[in-house]
């Protein structure tokens, strides 16, 4: 329920969430993950892109890398 029906980008940092929110809005949502959850997968400035079928589409280590992978994994712009 937390991820919603579309794409989800899991982040730890509010700055990363803000950087990707507008780009993701037509396709899904940004979900901030608290410390202690997914620590082995999610670095402080990183993100995990989850497809609507709940498979991981990409993992980014920083906002720059996230900006590079989002166009590759999201559907073409409407």
N, C-alpha and C. Protein backbone atom coordinates (compact mmCIF):
# COMPACT_ATOMS: atom_id res chain seq x y z
N UNK A 1 0.82 -1.20 0.00
CA UNK A 1 0.00 0.00 0.00
C UNK A 1 0.86 1.26 0.00
N UNK A 2 1.97 1.19 0.71
CA UNK A 2 2.86 2.35 0.81
C UNK A 2 3.44 2.75 -0.54
N UNK A 3 3.73 1.77 -1.39
CA UNK A 3 4.34 2.07 -2.69
C UNK A 3 3.33 2.54 -3.73
N UNK A 4 2.06 2.22 -3.57
CA UNK A 4 1.06 2.61 -4.54
C UNK A 4 1.09 1.70 -5.76
N UNK A 5 0.24 1.97 -6.75
CA UNK A 5 0.10 1.07 -7.89
C UNK A 5 1.14 1.27 -9.00
N UNK A 6 1.81 2.39 -9.04
CA UNK A 6 2.74 2.68 -10.13
C UNK A 6 4.18 2.43 -9.73
N UNK A 7 5.07 3.16 -10.38
CA UNK A 7 6.49 3.10 -10.04
C UNK A 7 6.69 3.72 -8.66
N UNK A 8 7.73 3.27 -7.97
CA UNK A 8 8.10 3.85 -6.68
C UNK A 8 9.61 4.04 -6.67
N UNK A 9 10.03 5.15 -6.12
CA UNK A 9 11.46 5.39 -5.93
C UNK A 9 11.68 5.49 -4.42
N UNK A 10 12.44 4.55 -3.89
CA UNK A 10 12.73 4.50 -2.46
C UNK A 10 13.99 5.31 -2.20
N UNK A 11 13.90 6.25 -1.27
CA UNK A 11 15.03 7.12 -0.94
C UNK A 11 15.13 7.27 0.56
N UNK A 12 16.28 7.73 1.02
CA UNK A 12 16.49 8.06 2.43
C UNK A 12 16.53 9.56 2.64
N UNK A 13 16.96 10.28 1.63
CA UNK A 13 17.23 11.70 1.75
C UNK A 13 16.08 12.55 1.18
N UNK A 14 15.67 13.55 1.93
CA UNK A 14 14.65 14.48 1.45
C UNK A 14 15.14 15.21 0.20
N UNK A 15 16.43 15.50 0.12
CA UNK A 15 16.98 16.19 -1.05
C UNK A 15 16.83 15.33 -2.30
N UNK A 16 17.06 14.04 -2.19
CA UNK A 16 16.90 13.14 -3.33
C UNK A 16 15.42 13.05 -3.69
N UNK A 17 14.55 12.98 -2.70
CA UNK A 17 13.11 12.92 -2.94
C UNK A 17 12.65 14.16 -3.71
N UNK A 18 13.09 15.32 -3.28
CA UNK A 18 12.71 16.57 -3.94
C UNK A 18 13.22 16.62 -5.38
N UNK A 19 14.43 16.10 -5.61
CA UNK A 19 15.03 16.14 -6.93
C UNK A 19 14.27 15.29 -7.95
N UNK A 20 13.60 14.25 -7.50
CA UNK A 20 12.97 13.31 -8.43
C UNK A 20 11.44 13.39 -8.44
N UNK A 21 10.84 14.05 -7.48
CA UNK A 21 9.39 14.07 -7.34
C UNK A 21 8.65 14.50 -8.59
N UNK A 22 9.03 15.61 -9.17
CA UNK A 22 8.32 16.12 -10.35
C UNK A 22 8.43 15.18 -11.54
N UNK A 23 9.61 14.62 -11.74
CA UNK A 23 9.84 13.70 -12.86
C UNK A 23 9.01 12.42 -12.69
N UNK A 24 8.84 11.96 -11.46
CA UNK A 24 8.16 10.70 -11.21
C UNK A 24 6.65 10.84 -11.09
N UNK A 25 6.17 12.03 -10.79
CA UNK A 25 4.74 12.25 -10.47
C UNK A 25 3.78 11.58 -11.46
N UNK A 26 3.97 11.66 -12.78
CA UNK A 26 2.99 11.02 -13.67
C UNK A 26 3.00 9.49 -13.60
N UNK A 27 4.04 8.91 -13.05
CA UNK A 27 4.20 7.46 -13.09
C UNK A 27 4.08 6.77 -11.74
N UNK A 28 4.25 7.49 -10.66
CA UNK A 28 4.23 6.86 -9.35
C UNK A 28 4.60 7.83 -8.25
N UNK A 29 5.30 7.34 -7.24
CA UNK A 29 5.60 8.19 -6.08
C UNK A 29 6.99 7.93 -5.52
N UNK A 30 7.44 8.90 -4.74
CA UNK A 30 8.69 8.79 -4.01
C UNK A 30 8.34 8.39 -2.58
N UNK A 31 9.06 7.39 -2.06
CA UNK A 31 8.80 6.90 -0.70
C UNK A 31 10.09 7.04 0.09
N UNK A 32 10.02 7.81 1.17
CA UNK A 32 11.19 7.96 2.04
C UNK A 32 11.25 6.78 3.00
N UNK A 33 12.41 6.11 3.03
CA UNK A 33 12.62 4.93 3.85
C UNK A 33 13.42 5.34 5.10
N UNK A 34 12.95 4.97 6.28
CA UNK A 34 13.68 5.35 7.51
C UNK A 34 14.99 4.59 7.66
N UNK A 35 15.90 5.17 8.41
CA UNK A 35 17.16 4.48 8.73
C UNK A 35 16.84 3.14 9.38
N UNK A 36 17.66 2.16 9.09
CA UNK A 36 17.47 0.83 9.65
C UNK A 36 16.68 -0.10 8.75
N UNK A 37 16.04 0.44 7.72
CA UNK A 37 15.28 -0.37 6.78
C UNK A 37 16.04 -0.36 5.45
N UNK A 38 16.32 -1.51 4.92
CA UNK A 38 17.05 -1.66 3.65
C UNK A 38 18.45 -1.06 3.68
N UNK A 39 19.05 -0.99 4.87
CA UNK A 39 20.39 -0.41 4.98
C UNK A 39 21.40 -1.12 4.09
N UNK A 40 21.23 -2.40 3.88
CA UNK A 40 22.18 -3.16 3.06
C UNK A 40 22.02 -2.87 1.57
N UNK A 41 20.95 -2.21 1.18
CA UNK A 41 20.72 -1.90 -0.24
C UNK A 41 20.71 -0.41 -0.56
N UNK A 42 20.34 0.41 0.38
CA UNK A 42 20.09 1.83 0.11
C UNK A 42 21.07 2.72 0.84
N UNK A 43 21.98 3.35 0.09
CA UNK A 43 22.94 4.27 0.70
C UNK A 43 22.26 5.61 0.95
N UNK A 44 22.88 6.46 1.75
CA UNK A 44 22.26 7.71 2.21
C UNK A 44 21.72 8.59 1.09
N UNK A 45 22.47 8.78 0.02
CA UNK A 45 22.03 9.64 -1.08
C UNK A 45 21.54 8.84 -2.29
N UNK A 46 21.31 7.54 -2.10
CA UNK A 46 20.93 6.67 -3.19
C UNK A 46 19.43 6.52 -3.33
N UNK A 47 19.04 5.66 -4.28
CA UNK A 47 17.63 5.40 -4.54
C UNK A 47 17.48 4.02 -5.15
N UNK A 48 16.31 3.43 -4.93
CA UNK A 48 15.94 2.17 -5.55
C UNK A 48 14.67 2.44 -6.34
N UNK A 49 14.69 2.14 -7.64
CA UNK A 49 13.52 2.32 -8.50
C UNK A 49 12.81 0.98 -8.59
N UNK A 50 11.53 0.97 -8.21
CA UNK A 50 10.73 -0.24 -8.19
C UNK A 50 9.63 -0.12 -9.24
N UNK A 51 9.53 -1.12 -10.11
CA UNK A 51 8.50 -1.11 -11.16
C UNK A 51 7.13 -1.41 -10.55
N UNK A 52 6.05 -1.15 -11.31
CA UNK A 52 4.70 -1.45 -10.80
C UNK A 52 4.49 -2.92 -10.46
N UNK A 53 5.24 -3.84 -11.11
CA UNK A 53 5.10 -5.26 -10.77
C UNK A 53 5.97 -5.64 -9.57
N UNK A 54 6.60 -4.65 -8.95
CA UNK A 54 7.41 -4.74 -7.73
C UNK A 54 8.78 -5.38 -7.93
N UNK A 55 9.24 -5.45 -9.16
CA UNK A 55 10.63 -5.83 -9.41
C UNK A 55 11.49 -4.58 -9.35
N UNK A 56 12.72 -4.73 -8.91
CA UNK A 56 13.65 -3.59 -8.86
C UNK A 56 14.12 -3.31 -10.28
N UNK A 57 13.90 -2.08 -10.74
CA UNK A 57 14.30 -1.67 -12.08
C UNK A 57 15.71 -1.11 -12.10
N UNK A 58 16.11 -0.45 -11.01
CA UNK A 58 17.44 0.17 -10.96
C UNK A 58 17.79 0.53 -9.53
N UNK A 59 19.09 0.61 -9.29
CA UNK A 59 19.60 1.09 -8.01
C UNK A 59 20.62 2.17 -8.34
N UNK A 60 20.47 3.33 -7.72
CA UNK A 60 21.38 4.45 -7.95
C UNK A 60 22.07 4.82 -6.65
N UNK A 61 23.34 5.21 -6.76
CA UNK A 61 24.11 5.57 -5.57
C UNK A 61 24.01 7.04 -5.21
N UNK A 62 23.54 7.87 -6.15
CA UNK A 62 23.44 9.31 -5.89
C UNK A 62 22.41 9.92 -6.84
N UNK A 63 22.00 11.18 -6.59
CA UNK A 63 20.99 11.81 -7.43
C UNK A 63 21.38 11.90 -8.91
N UNK A 64 22.66 12.10 -9.18
CA UNK A 64 23.10 12.20 -10.58
C UNK A 64 22.87 10.87 -11.30
N UNK A 65 23.25 9.79 -10.68
CA UNK A 65 23.05 8.48 -11.29
C UNK A 65 21.56 8.18 -11.43
N UNK A 66 20.75 8.59 -10.46
CA UNK A 66 19.31 8.40 -10.54
C UNK A 66 18.74 9.14 -11.74
N UNK A 67 19.21 10.37 -11.97
CA UNK A 67 18.76 11.14 -13.12
C UNK A 67 19.10 10.46 -14.44
N UNK A 68 20.18 9.71 -14.46
CA UNK A 68 20.58 8.98 -15.67
C UNK A 68 19.74 7.73 -15.90
N UNK A 69 19.36 7.03 -14.83
CA UNK A 69 18.63 5.77 -15.01
C UNK A 69 17.13 5.94 -15.17
N UNK A 70 16.56 7.01 -14.61
CA UNK A 70 15.11 7.18 -14.70
C UNK A 70 14.60 7.18 -16.14
N UNK A 71 15.21 7.91 -17.07
CA UNK A 71 14.70 7.87 -18.45
C UNK A 71 14.78 6.48 -19.07
N UNK A 72 15.69 5.67 -18.59
CA UNK A 72 15.84 4.31 -19.13
C UNK A 72 14.77 3.35 -18.62
N UNK A 73 14.27 3.58 -17.41
CA UNK A 73 13.34 2.62 -16.82
C UNK A 73 11.88 3.08 -16.84
N UNK A 74 11.64 4.38 -16.90
CA UNK A 74 10.26 4.88 -16.94
C UNK A 74 9.73 4.81 -18.36
N UNK A 75 8.41 4.71 -18.52
CA UNK A 75 7.82 4.74 -19.86
C UNK A 75 8.14 6.07 -20.56
N UNK A 76 8.06 6.10 -21.89
CA UNK A 76 8.31 7.37 -22.60
C UNK A 76 7.39 8.48 -22.09
N UNK A 77 7.87 9.70 -22.14
CA UNK A 77 7.08 10.85 -21.69
C UNK A 77 5.78 10.94 -22.47
N UNK A 78 4.73 11.20 -21.75
CA UNK A 78 3.39 11.29 -22.37
C UNK A 78 3.19 12.58 -23.07
